[in-house]
Amino acid sequence: MSGTTRPRLRLAAAVAAAAALVLTGCSSSGSSGSGDAQTGFIVGKGGAPDTAAAGHRKDAPDISGTTLEGTKVALSDYRGKVVVLNIWGSWCNPCRAEAPNLQSVWDAYKDQGVQFLGINTRDIDPANAVRFEQEKGVTFPSLYDPDGTQILKFPKGSLNPQSIPTTLVIDRDGRLAARAMRALEAEDIEAMLKPVLAEQKS
């Protein structure tokens, strides 16, 4: 197998896996690159978030890349802070519904040792995602991950994302503490965040 064929196969596999991830959450009846596509939503697990006790958490992968604004960012940059990681797409109606809730909690906690970070996926044209942020007033950064490469770094069997939207809480030591695979209200986000924020760094 040639050296050029292998990267193409890896890219194709990443795209296929990302597409499968999307189909377990938001499903679009229009173009996945269009912010105006009509979308349906299938809840992943719903109900209460999945959580892991402090002594039984797995390390989050080292997510990294370029934000929609063109800045280089890595999840490890925020070690020592509690990170709320939200996976979203501009084409996803539940993502649109929860964006103001994420922003309101970010506004309330960003000076308390908390960092919000998004992963934007399946937006073929980043302009759609930028417009989404502008329309919803979102000010925290989001990595641009159109083919799901960063999402696929999460190991199976951990609190890995399995639908869109998914929100994860990562503790100060970079470990996966909580996961919700549905659109969240502000109080839901706070309920996931507060117990982890109350923990002391090990």
Protein backbone atom coordinates (compact mmCIF):
# COMPACT_ATOMS: atom_id res chain seq x y z
CA MET A 1 0.00 0.00 0.00
CA SER A 2 1.48 3.36 -1.01
CA GLY A 3 2.31 6.12 1.47
CA THR A 4 -0.33 8.38 -0.09
CA THR A 5 -3.08 5.76 0.08
CA ARG A 6 -2.83 5.19 3.84
CA PRO A 7 -3.58 8.82 4.86
CA ARG A 8 -6.55 8.84 2.48
CA LEU A 9 -7.92 5.67 4.06
CA ARG A 10 -7.48 7.12 7.55
CA LEU A 11 -9.30 10.30 6.52
CA ALA A 12 -12.13 8.29 4.94
CA ALA A 13 -12.45 6.21 8.11
CA ALA A 14 -12.56 9.35 10.27
CA VAL A 15 -15.26 10.91 8.10
CA ALA A 16 -17.34 7.71 8.15
CA ALA A 17 -17.05 7.43 11.94
CA ALA A 18 -17.97 11.08 12.41
CA ALA A 19 -21.01 10.61 10.17
CA ALA A 20 -22.10 7.64 12.29
CA LEU A 21 -21.72 9.76 15.42
CA VAL A 22 -23.91 12.47 13.96
CA LEU A 23 -26.62 10.00 13.02
CA THR A 24 -27.00 9.02 16.68
CA GLY A 25 -27.82 12.62 17.57
CA CYS A 26 -29.01 15.34 15.24
CA SER A 27 -30.04 14.07 11.82
CA SER A 28 -30.27 16.51 8.97
CA SER A 29 -32.76 16.30 6.14
CA GLY A 30 -30.79 18.91 4.23
CA SER A 31 -27.12 19.54 3.53
CA SER A 32 -24.93 18.97 6.57
CA GLY A 33 -22.95 22.03 5.60
CA SER A 34 -25.91 24.37 5.66
CA GLY A 35 -26.84 26.28 8.79
CA ASP A 36 -30.40 26.48 7.46
CA ALA A 37 -31.00 22.74 7.14
CA GLN A 38 -34.07 21.42 8.92
CA THR A 39 -32.96 18.96 11.57
CA GLY A 40 -34.47 16.24 13.72
CA PHE A 41 -33.09 15.09 17.04
CA ILE A 42 -32.66 11.66 18.53
CA VAL A 43 -31.73 11.67 22.21
CA GLY A 44 -28.66 9.58 23.01
CA LYS A 45 -29.45 8.33 26.51
CA GLY A 46 -31.37 11.27 27.91
CA GLY A 47 -32.22 11.66 31.57
CA ALA A 48 -29.51 12.31 34.14
CA PRO A 49 -25.91 12.80 33.00
CA ASP A 50 -23.42 9.97 33.23
CA THR A 51 -20.78 10.66 35.89
CA ALA A 52 -17.55 9.09 37.10
CA ALA A 53 -16.34 9.32 40.70
CA ALA A 54 -13.06 11.13 41.25
CA GLY A 55 -11.04 7.94 41.74
CA HIS A 56 -12.49 6.18 38.70
CA ARG A 57 -12.08 8.67 35.87
CA LYS A 58 -10.26 8.21 32.59
CA ASP A 59 -7.95 10.79 31.12
CA ALA A 60 -9.46 13.00 28.44
CA PRO A 61 -7.57 12.83 25.14
CA ASP A 62 -5.37 15.75 24.15
CA ILE A 63 -7.85 17.54 21.94
CA SER A 64 -6.12 20.24 19.92
CA GLY A 65 -6.47 22.25 16.74
CA THR A 66 -7.50 25.63 15.39
CA THR A 67 -10.52 27.55 16.59
CA LEU A 68 -13.11 29.08 14.30
CA GLU A 69 -11.32 32.38 14.86
CA GLY A 70 -7.98 30.90 13.74
CA THR A 71 -6.28 30.49 17.13
CA LYS A 72 -4.35 27.35 18.08
CA VAL A 73 -5.83 25.69 21.18
CA ALA A 74 -5.26 22.43 23.07
CA LEU A 75 -7.35 20.99 25.88
CA SER A 76 -4.14 20.65 27.88
CA ASP A 77 -3.81 24.45 27.83
CA TYR A 78 -6.57 24.50 30.44
CA ARG A 79 -5.09 21.97 32.90
CA GLY A 80 -5.85 23.19 36.41
CA LYS A 81 -9.28 24.48 35.34
CA VAL A 82 -12.59 22.63 35.11
CA VAL A 83 -13.46 22.43 31.41
CA VAL A 84 -16.96 22.22 29.96
CA LEU A 85 -16.59 20.73 26.48
CA ASN A 86 -19.56 21.00 24.11
CA ILE A 87 -19.79 19.21 20.76
CA TRP A 88 -22.07 20.97 18.30
CA GLY A 89 -22.92 21.80 14.70
CA SER A 90 -24.63 24.84 13.24
CA TRP A 91 -27.00 22.51 11.36
CA CYS A 92 -28.29 20.99 14.63
CA ASN A 93 -31.48 22.55 16.03
CA PRO A 94 -30.96 21.26 19.61
CA CYS A 95 -27.47 22.82 19.49
CA ARG A 96 -29.13 26.11 18.56
CA ALA A 97 -31.53 25.73 21.48
CA GLU A 98 -28.84 25.07 24.09
CA ALA A 99 -26.23 27.62 22.89
CA PRO A 100 -27.65 30.54 24.94
CA ASN A 101 -27.72 28.28 28.01
CA LEU A 102 -24.06 27.37 27.59
CA GLN A 103 -23.17 31.02 27.15
CA SER A 104 -25.08 32.10 30.27
CA VAL A 105 -23.27 29.52 32.42
CA TRP A 106 -19.94 30.47 30.84
CA ASP A 107 -20.62 34.12 31.74
CA ALA A 108 -21.41 33.13 35.33
CA TYR A 109 -18.40 30.85 35.93
CA LYS A 110 -15.54 31.98 33.65
CA ASP A 111 -13.90 33.88 36.53
CA GLN A 112 -14.13 30.87 38.88
CA GLY A 113 -11.50 28.57 37.36
CA VAL A 114 -13.79 27.28 34.59
CA GLN A 115 -13.16 27.17 30.86
CA PHE A 116 -15.74 26.42 28.18
CA LEU A 117 -14.56 24.93 24.88
CA GLY A 118 -16.60 23.82 21.89
CA ILE A 119 -15.88 21.32 19.16
CA ASN A 120 -17.70 22.28 15.97
CA THR A 121 -18.20 19.31 13.66
CA ARG A 122 -19.73 18.49 10.25
CA ASP A 123 -19.81 22.13 9.20
CA ILE A 124 -18.17 21.90 5.78
CA ASP A 125 -18.08 25.68 5.51
CA PRO A 126 -16.75 27.25 8.74
CA ALA A 127 -18.65 30.44 7.89
CA ASN A 128 -21.85 28.68 8.96
CA ALA A 129 -20.37 27.95 12.38
CA VAL A 130 -19.04 31.49 12.77
CA ARG A 131 -22.47 32.87 11.89
CA PHE A 132 -24.04 30.52 14.47
CA GLU A 133 -21.73 31.90 17.17
CA GLN A 134 -22.52 35.48 16.19
CA GLU A 135 -26.28 34.90 16.13
CA LYS A 136 -26.28 33.11 19.49
CA GLY A 137 -23.79 35.45 21.17
CA VAL A 138 -21.34 32.64 21.93
CA THR A 139 -17.98 33.99 23.12
CA PHE A 140 -16.09 30.89 24.29
CA PRO A 141 -13.76 29.27 21.71
CA SER A 142 -14.64 26.30 19.53
CA LEU A 143 -12.25 24.03 17.65
CA TYR A 144 -13.15 23.52 14.01
CA ASP A 145 -13.33 19.74 13.49
CA PRO A 146 -15.35 19.14 10.31
CA ASP A 147 -14.44 15.47 9.90
CA GLY A 148 -14.65 14.50 13.58
CA THR A 149 -10.94 13.76 13.99
CA GLN A 150 -10.79 15.30 17.48
CA ILE A 151 -14.02 13.65 18.62
CA LEU A 152 -12.69 10.24 17.62
CA LYS A 153 -9.74 10.64 20.01
CA PHE A 154 -12.03 9.83 22.93
CA PRO A 155 -11.52 6.17 23.91
CA LYS A 156 -14.49 3.83 23.77
CA GLY A 157 -15.65 2.81 27.20
CA SER A 158 -14.89 6.22 28.65
CA LEU A 159 -17.43 9.03 28.91
CA ASN A 160 -16.95 9.50 25.18
CA PRO A 161 -19.36 11.52 23.02
CA GLN A 162 -21.87 9.37 21.14
CA SER A 163 -24.35 11.95 19.87
CA ILE A 164 -24.60 15.60 18.97
CA PRO A 165 -24.99 17.67 21.02
CA THR A 166 -22.90 16.19 23.82
CA THR A 167 -21.54 18.12 26.79
CA LEU A 168 -18.63 16.82 28.86
CA VAL A 169 -17.13 18.10 32.11
CA ILE A 170 -13.39 17.54 32.52
CA ASP A 171 -11.85 17.94 35.97
CA ARG A 172 -8.78 19.98 36.91
CA ASP A 173 -6.53 16.98 36.34
CA GLY A 174 -7.76 16.49 32.78
CA ARG A 175 -10.03 13.54 33.52
CA LEU A 176 -13.54 12.84 32.22
CA ALA A 177 -16.00 13.53 35.05
CA ALA A 178 -19.46 13.86 33.49
CA ARG A 179 -21.31 13.54 30.19
CA ALA A 180 -24.77 14.51 28.92
CA MET A 181 -25.87 13.46 25.43
CA ARG A 182 -28.74 15.86 24.88
CA ALA A 183 -29.49 19.57 24.70
CA LEU A 184 -29.15 21.11 28.15
CA GLU A 185 -30.81 23.88 30.10
CA ALA A 186 -28.60 26.22 32.12
CA GLU A 187 -29.50 24.45 35.37
CA ASP A 188 -28.51 21.09 33.85
CA ILE A 189 -25.08 22.45 32.94
CA GLU A 190 -24.62 23.89 36.42
CA ALA A 191 -25.66 20.59 38.01
CA MET A 192 -22.86 18.83 36.08
CA LEU A 193 -20.31 21.55 36.72
CA LYS A 194 -20.74 22.44 40.39
CA PRO A 195 -19.71 19.08 41.98
CA VAL A 196 -16.53 18.95 39.89
CA LEU A 197 -15.74 22.60 40.58
CA ALA A 198 -16.09 21.92 44.32
CA GLU A 199 -13.37 19.24 44.20
CA GLN A 200 -9.80 20.05 45.14
CA LYS A 201 -7.04 19.50 42.56
CA SER A 202 -5.14 16.30 43.34
